[in-house]
Amino acid sequence: DEVARAAGLTPDEVIALHSGPRSMVFMLGFAPGHAYLGVHDE
């Protein structure tokens, strides 16, 4: 909910933006198996 308010979106719109397109795993780091993915909508 806080993310949605900060982005000027509804929670459902945040979910749609996050789950709609596929995201690439760029790397593993910080801890074993800790995946970094992107790049998401602006």
Full PDB file with SEQRES, HELIX, SHEET, SSBOND, CRYST1, ORIGX, SCALE, CONECT and MASTER records, all heavy atoms in Angstrom:
SEQRES   1 A   42  ASP GLU VAL ALA ARG ALA ALA GLY LEU THR PRO ASP GLU          
SEQRES   2 A   42  VAL ILE ALA LEU HIS SER GLY PRO ARG SER MET VAL PHE          
SEQRES   3 A   42  MET LEU GLY PHE ALA PRO GLY HIS ALA TYR LEU GLY VAL          
SEQRES   4 A   42  HIS ASP GLU                                                  
HELIX    1 AA1 GLU A    2  ALA A    7  1                                   6    
HELIX    2 AA2 PRO A   11  SER A   19  1                                   9    
SHEET    1 AA1 2 MET A  24  LEU A  28  0                                        
SHEET    2 AA1 2 ALA A  35  GLY A  38 -1                                        
CRYST1    1.000    1.000    1.000  90.00  90.00  90.00 P 1           1          
ORIGX1      1.000000  0.000000  0.000000        0.00000                         
ORIGX2      0.000000  1.000000  0.000000        0.00000                         
ORIGX3      0.000000  0.000000  1.000000        0.00000                         
SCALE1      1.000000  0.000000  0.000000        0.00000                         
SCALE2      0.000000  1.000000  0.000000        0.00000                         
SCALE3      0.000000  0.000000  1.000000        0.00000                         
ATOM      1  N   ASP A   1       0.826  -1.206   0.000  1.00  0.00           N  
ATOM      2  CA  ASP A   1       0.000   0.000   0.000  1.00  0.00           C  
ATOM      3  C   ASP A   1       0.863   1.260   0.000  1.00  0.00           C  
ATOM      4  O   ASP A   1       0.565   2.239  -0.699  1.00  0.00           O  
ATOM      5  CB  ASP A   1      -0.923  -0.001   1.213  1.00  0.00           C  
ATOM      6  CG  ASP A   1      -2.025  -1.060   1.111  1.00  0.00           C  
ATOM      7  OD1 ASP A   1      -2.247  -1.564  -0.006  1.00  0.00           O  
ATOM      8  OD2 ASP A   1      -2.632  -1.378   2.146  1.00  0.00           O  
ATOM      9  N   GLU A   2       1.945   1.230   0.769  1.00  0.00           N  
ATOM     10  CA  GLU A   2       2.853   2.386   0.818  1.00  0.00           C  
ATOM     11  C   GLU A   2       3.524   2.603  -0.538  1.00  0.00           C  
ATOM     12  O   GLU A   2       3.670   3.743  -0.996  1.00  0.00           O  
ATOM     13  CB  GLU A   2       3.901   2.155   1.897  1.00  0.00           C  
ATOM     14  CG  GLU A   2       4.876   3.303   2.073  1.00  0.00           C  
ATOM     15  CD  GLU A   2       5.920   3.008   3.133  1.00  0.00           C  
ATOM     16  OE1 GLU A   2       5.713   2.078   3.940  1.00  0.00           O  
ATOM     17  OE2 GLU A   2       6.951   3.708   3.152  1.00  0.00           O  
ATOM     18  N   VAL A   3       3.916   1.533  -1.194  1.00  0.00           N  
ATOM     19  CA  VAL A   3       4.515   1.633  -2.529  1.00  0.00           C  
ATOM     20  C   VAL A   3       3.509   2.233  -3.511  1.00  0.00           C  
ATOM     21  O   VAL A   3       3.847   3.097  -4.324  1.00  0.00           O  
ATOM     22  CB  VAL A   3       4.986   0.245  -3.009  1.00  0.00           C  
ATOM     23  CG1 VAL A   3       5.261   0.249  -4.508  1.00  0.00           C  
ATOM     24  CG2 VAL A   3       6.233  -0.181  -2.250  1.00  0.00           C  
ATOM     25  N   ALA A   4       2.267   1.768  -3.434  1.00  0.00           N  
ATOM     26  CA  ALA A   4       1.236   2.272  -4.343  1.00  0.00           C  
ATOM     27  C   ALA A   4       1.029   3.771  -4.154  1.00  0.00           C  
ATOM     28  O   ALA A   4       0.948   4.533  -5.135  1.00  0.00           O  
ATOM     29  CB  ALA A   4      -0.069   1.515  -4.112  1.00  0.00           C  
ATOM     30  N   ARG A   5       0.960   4.221  -2.913  1.00  0.00           N  
ATOM     31  CA  ARG A   5       0.784   5.656  -2.658  1.00  0.00           C  
ATOM     32  C   ARG A   5       1.964   6.456  -3.193  1.00  0.00           C  
ATOM     33  O   ARG A   5       1.795   7.501  -3.833  1.00  0.00           O  
ATOM     34  CB  ARG A   5       0.614   5.904  -1.163  1.00  0.00           C  
ATOM     35  CG  ARG A   5      -0.742   5.500  -0.605  1.00  0.00           C  
ATOM     36  CD  ARG A   5      -0.951   6.043   0.790  1.00  0.00           C  
ATOM     37  NE  ARG A   5       0.017   5.502   1.738  1.00  0.00           N  
ATOM     38  CZ  ARG A   5      -0.177   4.396   2.440  1.00  0.00           C  
ATOM     39  NH1 ARG A   5      -1.295   3.693   2.291  1.00  0.00           N  
ATOM     40  NH2 ARG A   5       0.751   3.975   3.286  1.00  0.00           N  
ATOM     41  N   ALA A   6       3.180   5.968  -2.951  1.00  0.00           N  
ATOM     42  CA  ALA A   6       4.376   6.686  -3.398  1.00  0.00           C  
ATOM     43  C   ALA A   6       4.452   6.757  -4.916  1.00  0.00           C  
ATOM     44  O   ALA A   6       4.962   7.740  -5.476  1.00  0.00           O  
ATOM     45  CB  ALA A   6       5.625   6.012  -2.838  1.00  0.00           C  
ATOM     46  N   ALA A   7       3.948   5.736  -5.584  1.00  0.00           N  
ATOM     47  CA  ALA A   7       4.010   5.683  -7.050  1.00  0.00           C  
ATOM     48  C   ALA A   7       2.792   6.332  -7.706  1.00  0.00           C  
ATOM     49  O   ALA A   7       2.745   6.443  -8.936  1.00  0.00           O  
ATOM     50  CB  ALA A   7       4.128   4.231  -7.509  1.00  0.00           C  
ATOM     51  N   GLY A   8       1.799   6.737  -6.909  1.00  0.00           N  
ATOM     52  CA  GLY A   8       0.589   7.310  -7.466  1.00  0.00           C  
ATOM     53  C   GLY A   8      -0.265   6.283  -8.178  1.00  0.00           C  
ATOM     54  O   GLY A   8      -0.947   6.587  -9.158  1.00  0.00           O  
ATOM     55  N   LEU A   9      -0.242   5.049  -7.667  1.00  0.00           N  
ATOM     56  CA  LEU A   9      -0.971   3.944  -8.278  1.00  0.00           C  
ATOM     57  C   LEU A   9      -1.855   3.269  -7.241  1.00  0.00           C  
ATOM     58  O   LEU A   9      -1.738   3.529  -6.037  1.00  0.00           O  
ATOM     59  CB  LEU A   9       0.018   2.912  -8.844  1.00  0.00           C  
ATOM     60  CG  LEU A   9       1.036   3.390  -9.879  1.00  0.00           C  
ATOM     61  CD1 LEU A   9       2.109   2.316 -10.078  1.00  0.00           C  
ATOM     62  CD2 LEU A   9       0.347   3.707 -11.201  1.00  0.00           C  
ATOM     63  N   THR A  10      -2.729   2.399  -7.696  1.00  0.00           N  
ATOM     64  CA  THR A  10      -3.455   1.535  -6.781  1.00  0.00           C  
ATOM     65  C   THR A  10      -2.614   0.282  -6.527  1.00  0.00           C  
ATOM     66  O   THR A  10      -1.730  -0.052  -7.329  1.00  0.00           O  
ATOM     67  CB  THR A  10      -4.809   1.115  -7.371  1.00  0.00           C  
ATOM     68  OG1 THR A  10      -4.576   0.273  -8.514  1.00  0.00           O  
ATOM     69  CG2 THR A  10      -5.626   2.329  -7.785  1.00  0.00           C  
ATOM     70  N   PRO A  11      -2.868  -0.432  -5.428  1.00  0.00           N  
ATOM     71  CA  PRO A  11      -2.139  -1.691  -5.209  1.00  0.00           C  
ATOM     72  C   PRO A  11      -2.281  -2.665  -6.370  1.00  0.00           C  
ATOM     73  O   PRO A  11      -1.307  -3.329  -6.748  1.00  0.00           O  
ATOM     74  CB  PRO A  11      -2.774  -2.237  -3.925  1.00  0.00           C  
ATOM     75  CG  PRO A  11      -3.206  -1.010  -3.187  1.00  0.00           C  
ATOM     76  CD  PRO A  11      -3.686  -0.069  -4.254  1.00  0.00           C  
ATOM     77  N   ASP A  12      -3.477  -2.739  -6.955  1.00  0.00           N  
ATOM     78  CA  ASP A  12      -3.672  -3.643  -8.095  1.00  0.00           C  
ATOM     79  C   ASP A  12      -2.825  -3.221  -9.291  1.00  0.00           C  
ATOM     80  O   ASP A  12      -2.327  -4.074 -10.046  1.00  0.00           O  
ATOM     81  CB  ASP A  12      -5.147  -3.687  -8.502  1.00  0.00           C  
ATOM     82  CG  ASP A  12      -5.985  -4.514  -7.540  1.00  0.00           C  
ATOM     83  OD1 ASP A  12      -5.403  -5.283  -6.755  1.00  0.00           O  
ATOM     84  OD2 ASP A  12      -7.228  -4.381  -7.578  1.00  0.00           O  
ATOM     85  N   GLU A  13      -2.658  -1.913  -9.487  1.00  0.00           N  
ATOM     86  CA  GLU A  13      -1.828  -1.433 -10.601  1.00  0.00           C  
ATOM     87  C   GLU A  13      -0.356  -1.767 -10.363  1.00  0.00           C  
ATOM     88  O   GLU A  13       0.368  -2.109 -11.309  1.00  0.00           O  
ATOM     89  CB  GLU A  13      -2.020   0.070 -10.781  1.00  0.00           C  
ATOM     90  CG  GLU A  13      -3.367   0.441 -11.386  1.00  0.00           C  
ATOM     91  CD  GLU A  13      -3.628   1.934 -11.394  1.00  0.00           C  
ATOM     92  OE1 GLU A  13      -3.103   2.639 -10.505  1.00  0.00           O  
ATOM     93  OE2 GLU A  13      -4.358   2.398 -12.282  1.00  0.00           O  
ATOM     94  N   VAL A  14       0.084  -1.683  -9.112  1.00  0.00           N  
ATOM     95  CA  VAL A  14       1.465  -2.074  -8.790  1.00  0.00           C  
ATOM     96  C   VAL A  14       1.667  -3.557  -9.095  1.00  0.00           C  
ATOM     97  O   VAL A  14       2.665  -3.952  -9.714  1.00  0.00           O  
ATOM     98  CB  VAL A  14       1.793  -1.781  -7.309  1.00  0.00           C  
ATOM     99  CG1 VAL A  14       3.154  -2.389  -6.937  1.00  0.00           C  
ATOM    100  CG2 VAL A  14       1.796  -0.281  -7.040  1.00  0.00           C  
ATOM    101  N   ILE A  15       0.710  -4.374  -8.681  1.00  0.00           N  
ATOM    102  CA  ILE A  15       0.809  -5.817  -8.927  1.00  0.00           C  
ATOM    103  C   ILE A  15       0.846  -6.093 -10.422  1.00  0.00           C  
ATOM    104  O   ILE A  15       1.649  -6.909 -10.901  1.00  0.00           O  
ATOM    105  CB  ILE A  15      -0.360  -6.557  -8.260  1.00  0.00           C  
ATOM    106  CG1 ILE A  15      -0.260  -6.448  -6.741  1.00  0.00           C  
ATOM    107  CG2 ILE A  15      -0.389  -8.029  -8.692  1.00  0.00           C  
ATOM    108  CD1 ILE A  15      -1.500  -6.950  -6.003  1.00  0.00           C  
ATOM    109  N   ALA A  16       0.014  -5.400 -11.182  1.00  0.00           N  
ATOM    110  CA  ALA A  16      -0.025  -5.621 -12.633  1.00  0.00           C  
ATOM    111  C   ALA A  16       1.294  -5.239 -13.287  1.00  0.00           C  
ATOM    112  O   ALA A  16       1.789  -5.951 -14.177  1.00  0.00           O  
ATOM    113  CB  ALA A  16      -1.171  -4.825 -13.245  1.00  0.00           C  
ATOM    114  N   LEU A  17       1.878  -4.116 -12.860  1.00  0.00           N  
ATOM    115  CA  LEU A  17       3.161  -3.693 -13.430  1.00  0.00           C  
ATOM    116  C   LEU A  17       4.276  -4.662 -13.065  1.00  0.00           C  
ATOM    117  O   LEU A  17       5.177  -4.925 -13.862  1.00  0.00           O  
ATOM    118  CB  LEU A  17       3.522  -2.287 -12.938  1.00  0.00           C  
ATOM    119  CG  LEU A  17       2.779  -1.113 -13.568  1.00  0.00           C  
ATOM    120  CD1 LEU A  17       3.164   0.186 -12.863  1.00  0.00           C  
ATOM    121  CD2 LEU A  17       3.087  -1.013 -15.053  1.00  0.00           C  
ATOM    122  N   HIS A  18       4.201  -5.194 -11.850  1.00  0.00           N  
ATOM    123  CA  HIS A  18       5.268  -6.082 -11.374  1.00  0.00           C  
ATOM    124  C   HIS A  18       5.155  -7.476 -11.977  1.00  0.00           C  
ATOM    125  O   HIS A  18       6.171  -8.111 -12.297  1.00  0.00           O  
ATOM    126  CB  HIS A  18       5.230  -6.173  -9.851  1.00  0.00           C  
ATOM    127  CG  HIS A  18       6.388  -6.901  -9.251  1.00  0.00           C  
ATOM    128  ND1 HIS A  18       6.296  -8.199  -8.791  1.00  0.00           N  
ATOM    129  CD2 HIS A  18       7.688  -6.521  -9.067  1.00  0.00           C  
ATOM    130  CE1 HIS A  18       7.471  -8.577  -8.330  1.00  0.00           C  
ATOM    131  NE2 HIS A  18       8.338  -7.589  -8.481  1.00  0.00           N  
ATOM    132  N   SER A  19       3.922  -7.958 -12.151  1.00  0.00           N  
ATOM    133  CA  SER A  19       3.733  -9.345 -12.590  1.00  0.00           C  
ATOM    134  C   SER A  19       3.463  -9.468 -14.084  1.00  0.00           C  
ATOM    135  O   SER A  19       3.450 -10.590 -14.609  1.00  0.00           O  
ATOM    136  CB  SER A  19       2.562  -9.971 -11.820  1.00  0.00           C  
ATOM    137  OG  SER A  19       1.349  -9.287 -12.097  1.00  0.00           O  
ATOM    138  N   GLY A  20       3.258  -8.352 -14.769  1.00  0.00           N  
ATOM    139  CA  GLY A  20       2.932  -8.420 -16.192  1.00  0.00           C  
ATOM    140  C   GLY A  20       4.087  -8.884 -17.057  1.00  0.00           C  
ATOM    141  O   GLY A  20       4.104 -10.022 -17.552  1.00  0.00           O  
ATOM    142  N   PRO A  21       5.101  -8.038 -17.277  1.00  0.00           N  
ATOM    143  CA  PRO A  21       6.230  -8.451 -18.126  1.00  0.00           C  
ATOM    144  C   PRO A  21       7.170  -9.392 -17.380  1.00  0.00           C  
ATOM    145  O   PRO A  21       7.188  -9.446 -16.145  1.00  0.00           O  
ATOM    146  CB  PRO A  21       6.920  -7.120 -18.436  1.00  0.00           C  
ATOM    147  CG  PRO A  21       6.565  -6.227 -17.297  1.00  0.00           C  
ATOM    148  CD  PRO A  21       5.207  -6.652 -16.827  1.00  0.00           C  
ATOM    149  N   ARG A  22       7.939 -10.146 -18.139  1.00  0.00           N  
ATOM    150  CA  ARG A  22       8.959 -10.999 -17.527  1.00  0.00           C  
ATOM    151  C   ARG A  22      10.136 -10.160 -17.045  1.00  0.00           C  
ATOM    152  O   ARG A  22      10.408  -9.089 -17.588  1.00  0.00           O  
ATOM    153  CB  ARG A  22       9.443 -12.059 -18.519  1.00  0.00           C  
ATOM    154  CG  ARG A  22       8.431 -13.165 -18.749  1.00  0.00           C  
ATOM    155  CD  ARG A  22       9.008 -14.329 -19.514  1.00  0.00           C  
ATOM    156  NE  ARG A  22       8.080 -15.455 -19.524  1.00  0.00           N  
ATOM    157  CZ  ARG A  22       8.034 -16.390 -18.587  1.00  0.00           C  
ATOM    158  NH1 ARG A  22       8.888 -16.344 -17.572  1.00  0.00           N  
ATOM    159  NH2 ARG A  22       7.168 -17.368 -18.655  1.00  0.00           N  
ATOM    160  N   SER A  23      10.819 -10.656 -16.028  1.00  0.00           N  
ATOM    161  CA  SER A  23      11.973  -9.973 -15.450  1.00  0.00           C  
ATOM    162  C   SER A  23      13.200 -10.860 -15.585  1.00  0.00           C  
ATOM    163  O   SER A  23      13.130 -12.072 -15.370  1.00  0.00           O  
ATOM    164  CB  SER A  23      11.738  -9.665 -13.965  1.00  0.00           C  
ATOM    165  OG  SER A  23      10.601  -8.843 -13.798  1.00  0.00           O  
ATOM    166  N   MET A  24      14.307 -10.260 -15.927  1.00  0.00           N  
ATOM    167  CA  MET A  24      15.556 -11.002 -16.102  1.00  0.00           C  
ATOM    168  C   MET A  24      16.311 -11.090 -14.774  1.00  0.00           C  
ATOM    169  O   MET A  24      16.375 -10.123 -14.019  1.00  0.00           O  
ATOM    170  CB  MET A  24      16.430 -10.297 -17.140  1.00  0.00           C  
ATOM    171  CG  MET A  24      17.814 -10.904 -17.304  1.00  0.00           C  
ATOM    172  SD  MET A  24      18.758  -9.998 -18.555  1.00  0.00           S  
ATOM    173  CE  MET A  24      20.419 -10.603 -18.206  1.00  0.00           C  
ATOM    174  N   VAL A  25      16.871 -12.261 -14.493  1.00  0.00           N  
ATOM    175  CA  VAL A  25      17.772 -12.404 -13.350  1.00  0.00           C  
ATOM    176  C   VAL A  25      19.155 -11.916 -13.785  1.00  0.00           C  
ATOM    177  O   VAL A  25      19.815 -12.547 -14.617  1.00  0.00           O  
ATOM    178  CB  VAL A  25      17.856 -13.867 -12.866  1.00  0.00           C  
ATOM    179  CG1 VAL A  25      18.819 -13.977 -11.679  1.00  0.00           C  
ATOM    180  CG2 VAL A  25      16.472 -14.382 -12.486  1.00  0.00           C  
ATOM    181  N   PHE A  26      19.569 -10.779 -13.257  1.00  0.00           N  
ATOM    182  CA  PHE A  26      20.858 -10.216 -13.639  1.00  0.00           C  
ATOM    183  C   PHE A  26      22.011 -10.898 -12.907  1.00  0.00           C  
ATOM    184  O   PHE A  26      23.069 -11.140 -13.494  1.00  0.00           O  
ATOM    185  CB  PHE A  26      20.899  -8.715 -13.316  1.00  0.00           C  
ATOM    186  CG  PHE A  26      20.188  -7.857 -14.319  1.00  0.00           C  
ATOM    187  CD1 PHE A  26      18.833  -7.611 -14.202  1.00  0.00           C  
ATOM    188  CD2 PHE A  26      20.870  -7.301 -15.390  1.00  0.00           C  
ATOM    189  CE1 PHE A  26      18.169  -6.822 -15.119  1.00  0.00           C  
ATOM    190  CE2 PHE A  26      20.215  -6.510 -16.315  1.00  0.00           C  
ATOM    191  CZ  PHE A  26      18.860  -6.270 -16.184  1.00  0.00           C  
ATOM    192  N   MET A  27      21.807 -11.189 -11.620  1.00  0.00           N  
ATOM    193  CA  MET A  27      22.927 -11.700 -10.837  1.00  0.00           C  
ATOM    194  C   MET A  27      22.413 -12.274  -9.527  1.00  0.00           C  
ATOM    195  O   MET A  27      21.272 -12.060  -9.135  1.00  0.00           O  
ATOM    196  CB  MET A  27      23.935 -10.578 -10.545  1.00  0.00           C  
ATOM    197  CG  MET A  27      23.336  -9.400  -9.781  1.00  0.00           C  
ATOM    198  SD  MET A  27      24.550  -8.141  -9.305  1.00  0.00           S  
ATOM    199  CE  MET A  27      25.339  -8.935  -7.903  1.00  0.00           C  
ATOM    200  N   LEU A  28      23.293 -13.036  -8.869  1.00  0.00           N  
ATOM    201  CA  LEU A  28      23.088 -13.482  -7.498  1.00  0.00           C  
ATOM    202  C   LEU A  28      24.133 -12.794  -6.643  1.00  0.00           C  
ATOM    203  O   LEU A  28      25.306 -12.732  -7.016  1.00  0.00           O  
ATOM    204  CB  LEU A  28      23.215 -14.999  -7.374  1.00  0.00           C  
ATOM    205  CG  LEU A  28      22.309 -15.863  -8.258  1.00  0.00           C  
ATOM    206  CD1 LEU A  28      22.598 -17.346  -8.002  1.00  0.00           C  
ATOM    207  CD2 LEU A  28      20.841 -15.563  -7.998  1.00  0.00           C  
ATOM    208  N   GLY A  29      23.720 -12.280  -5.491  1.00  0.00           N  
ATOM    209  CA  GLY A  29      24.690 -11.591  -4.646  1.00  0.00           C  
ATOM    210  C   GLY A  29      24.120 -11.302  -3.280  1.00  0.00           C  
ATOM    211  O   GLY A  29      22.957 -11.608  -2.994  1.00  0.00           O  
ATOM    212  N   PHE A  30      24.923 -10.713  -2.424  1.00  0.00           N  
ATOM    213  CA  PHE A  30      24.574 -10.334  -1.054  1.00  0.00           C  
ATOM    214  C   PHE A  30      24.519 -11.553  -0.147  1.00  0.00           C  
ATOM    215  O   PHE A  30      25.060 -11.542   0.952  1.00  0.00           O  
ATOM    216  CB  PHE A  30      23.261  -9.550  -1.005  1.00  0.00           C  
ATOM    217  CG  PHE A  30      22.834  -9.121   0.374  1.00  0.00           C  
ATOM    218  CD1 PHE A  30      23.624  -8.264   1.117  1.00  0.00           C  
ATOM    219  CD2 PHE A  30      21.651  -9.583   0.927  1.00  0.00           C  
ATOM    220  CE1 PHE A  30      23.239  -7.871   2.391  1.00  0.00           C  
ATOM    221  CE2 PHE A  30      21.251  -9.199   2.193  1.00  0.00           C  
ATOM    222  CZ  PHE A  30      22.054  -8.331   2.925  1.00  0.00           C  
ATOM    223  N   ALA A  31      23.832 -12.616  -0.587  1.00  0.00           N  
ATOM    224  CA  ALA A  31      23.747 -13.863   0.168  1.00  0.00           C  
ATOM    225  C   ALA A  31      23.523 -14.980  -0.839  1.00  0.00           C  
ATOM    226  O   ALA A  31      23.052 -14.740  -1.954  1.00  0.00           O  
ATOM    227  CB  ALA A  31      22.595 -13.813   1.176  1.00  0.00           C  
ATOM    228  N   PRO A  32      23.851 -16.228  -0.504  1.00  0.00           N  
ATOM    229  CA  PRO A  32      23.652 -17.335  -1.441  1.00  0.00           C  
ATOM    230  C   PRO A  32      22.206 -17.422  -1.916  1.00  0.00           C  
ATOM    231  O   PRO A  32      21.272 -17.447  -1.109  1.00  0.00           O  
ATOM    232  CB  PRO A  32      24.048 -18.565  -0.623  1.00  0.00           C  
ATOM    233  CG  PRO A  32      25.010 -18.045   0.398  1.00  0.00           C  
ATOM    234  CD  PRO A  32      24.508 -16.681   0.746  1.00  0.00           C  
ATOM    235  N   GLY A  33      22.024 -17.449  -3.245  1.00  0.00           N  
ATOM    236  CA  GLY A  33      20.696 -17.564  -3.813  1.00  0.00           C  
ATOM    237  C   GLY A  33      19.890 -16.290  -3.846  1.00  0.00           C  
ATOM    238  O   GLY A  33      18.721 -16.302  -4.241  1.00  0.00           O  
ATOM    239  N   HIS A  34      20.484 -15.170  -3.465  1.00  0.00           N  
ATOM    240  CA  HIS A  34      19.787 -13.881  -3.414  1.00  0.00           C  
ATOM    241  C   HIS A  34      19.780 -13.274  -4.813  1.00  0.00           C  
ATOM    242  O   HIS A  34      20.780 -12.757  -5.293  1.00  0.00           O  
ATOM    243  CB  HIS A  34      20.519 -12.959  -2.432  1.00  0.00           C  
ATOM    244  CG  HIS A  34      19.770 -11.720  -2.063  1.00  0.00           C  
ATOM    245  ND1 HIS A  34      19.816 -10.574  -2.820  1.00  0.00           N  
ATOM    246  CD2 HIS A  34      18.969 -11.445  -1.007  1.00  0.00           C  
ATOM    247  CE1 HIS A  34      19.082  -9.633  -2.232  1.00  0.00           C  
ATOM    248  NE2 HIS A  34      18.554 -10.140  -1.140  1.00  0.00           N  
ATOM    249  N   ALA A  35      18.622 -13.369  -5.494  1.00  0.00           N  
ATOM    250  CA  ALA A  35      18.525 -12.975  -6.906  1.00  0.00           C  
ATOM    251  C   ALA A  35      18.137 -11.511  -7.048  1.00  0.00           C  
ATOM    252  O   ALA A  35      17.295 -10.998  -6.311  1.00  0.00           O  
ATOM    253  CB  ALA A  35      17.505 -13.855  -7.614  1.00  0.00           C  
ATOM    254  N   TYR A  36      18.755 -10.847  -8.028  1.00  0.00           N  
ATOM    255  CA  TYR A  36      18.410  -9.476  -8.410  1.00  0.00           C  
ATOM    256  C   TYR A  36      17.782  -9.522  -9.800  1.00  0.00           C  
ATOM    257  O   TYR A  36      18.390 -10.020 -10.748  1.00  0.00           O  
ATOM    258  CB  TYR A  36      19.650  -8.594  -8.436  1.00  0.00           C  
ATOM    259  CG  TYR A  36      20.229  -8.280  -7.076  1.00  0.00           C  
ATOM    260  CD1 TYR A  36      21.023  -9.207  -6.407  1.00  0.00           C  
ATOM    261  CD2 TYR A  36      19.980  -7.061  -6.457  1.00  0.00           C  
ATOM    262  CE1 TYR A  36      21.559  -8.929  -5.157  1.00  0.00           C  
ATOM    263  CE2 TYR A  36      20.520  -6.761  -5.207  1.00  0.00           C  
ATOM    264  CZ  TYR A  36      21.302  -7.698  -4.563  1.00  0.00           C  
ATOM    265  OH  TYR A  36      21.829  -7.422  -3.324  1.00  0.00           O  
ATOM    266  N   LEU A  37      16.558  -8.976  -9.923  1.00  0.00           N  
ATOM    267  CA  LEU A  37      15.810  -9.045 -11.171  1.00  0.00           C  
ATOM    268  C   LEU A  37      15.355  -7.655 -11.612  1.00  0.00           C  
ATOM    269  O   LEU A  37      15.208  -6.747 -10.811  1.00  0.00           O  
ATOM    270  CB  LEU A  37      14.578  -9.931 -11.028  1.00  0.00           C  
ATOM    271  CG  LEU A  37      14.764 -11.366 -10.542  1.00  0.00           C  
ATOM    272  CD1 LEU A  37      14.601 -11.477  -9.037  1.00  0.00           C  
ATOM    273  CD2 LEU A  37      13.739 -12.283 -11.208  1.00  0.00           C  
ATOM    274  N   GLY A  38      15.088  -7.508 -12.894  1.00  0.00           N  
ATOM    275  CA  GLY A  38      14.584  -6.250 -13.438  1.00  0.00           C  
ATOM    276  C   GLY A  38      14.602  -6.354 -14.962  1.00  0.00           C  
ATOM    277  O   GLY A  38      14.773  -7.440 -15.517  1.00  0.00           O  
ATOM    278  N   VAL A  39      14.473  -5.207 -15.645  1.00  0.00           N  
ATOM    279  CA  VAL A  39      14.291  -3.885 -15.094  1.00  0.00           C  
ATOM    280  C   VAL A  39      12.807  -3.558 -15.199  1.00  0.00           C  
ATOM    281  O   VAL A  39      12.196  -3.737 -16.250  1.00  0.00           O  
ATOM    282  CB  VAL A  39      15.112  -2.856 -15.884  1.00  0.00           C  
ATOM    283  CG1 VAL A  39      14.900  -1.461 -15.333  1.00  0.00           C  
ATOM    284  CG2 VAL A  39      16.594  -3.207 -15.884  1.00  0.00           C  
ATOM    285  N   HIS A  40      12.190  -3.020 -14.120  1.00  0.00           N  
ATOM    286  CA  HIS A  40      10.767  -2.793 -14.100  1.00  0.00           C  
ATOM    287  C   HIS A  40      10.387  -1.438 -14.701  1.00  0.00           C  
ATOM    288  O   HIS A  40      11.237  -0.593 -14.978  1.00  0.00           O  
ATOM    289  CB  HIS A  40      10.262  -2.882 -12.654  1.00  0.00           C  
ATOM    290  CG  HIS A  40      10.501  -4.208 -12.011  1.00  0.00           C  
ATOM    291  ND1 HIS A  40      10.207  -5.395 -12.638  1.00  0.00           N  
ATOM    292  CD2 HIS A  40      11.025  -4.543 -10.804  1.00  0.00           C  
ATOM    293  CE1 HIS A  40      10.518  -6.405 -11.845  1.00  0.00           C  
ATOM    294  NE2 HIS A  40      11.033  -5.910 -10.732  1.00  0.00           N  
ATOM    295  N   ASP A  41       9.083  -1.254 -14.849  1.00  0.00           N  
ATOM    296  CA  ASP A  41       8.526  -0.004 -15.366  1.00  0.00           C  
ATOM    297  C   ASP A  41       9.033   1.180 -14.533  1.00  0.00           C  
ATOM    298  O   ASP A  41       9.226   1.072 -13.318  1.00  0.00           O  
ATOM    299  CB  ASP A  41       6.996  -0.080 -15.307  1.00  0.00           C  
ATOM    300  CG  ASP A  41       6.324   1.067 -16.025  1.00  0.00           C  
ATOM    301  OD1 ASP A  41       6.283   2.183 -15.463  1.00  0.00           O  
ATOM    302  OD2 ASP A  41       5.815   0.855 -17.143  1.00  0.00           O  
ATOM    303  N   GLU A  42       9.222   2.315 -15.185  1.00  0.00           N  
ATOM    304  CA  GLU A  42       9.712   3.517 -14.516  1.00  0.00           C  
ATOM    305  C   GLU A  42       8.815   3.920 -13.345  1.00  0.00           C  
ATOM    306  O   GLU A  42       9.284   4.530 -12.377  1.00  0.00           O  
ATOM    307  CB  GLU A  42       9.809   4.669 -15.530  1.00  0.00           C  
ATOM    308  CG  GLU A  42      10.290   5.988 -14.964  1.00  0.00           C  
ATOM    309  CD  GLU A  42      11.708   5.921 -14.414  1.00  0.00           C  
ATOM    310  OE1 GLU A  42      12.537   5.182 -14.970  1.00  0.00           O  
ATOM    311  OE2 GLU A  42      11.974   6.628 -13.408  1.00  0.00           O  
TER     312      GLU A  42                                                      
MASTER        0    0    0    2    2    0    0    6  311    1    0    4          
END                                                                             
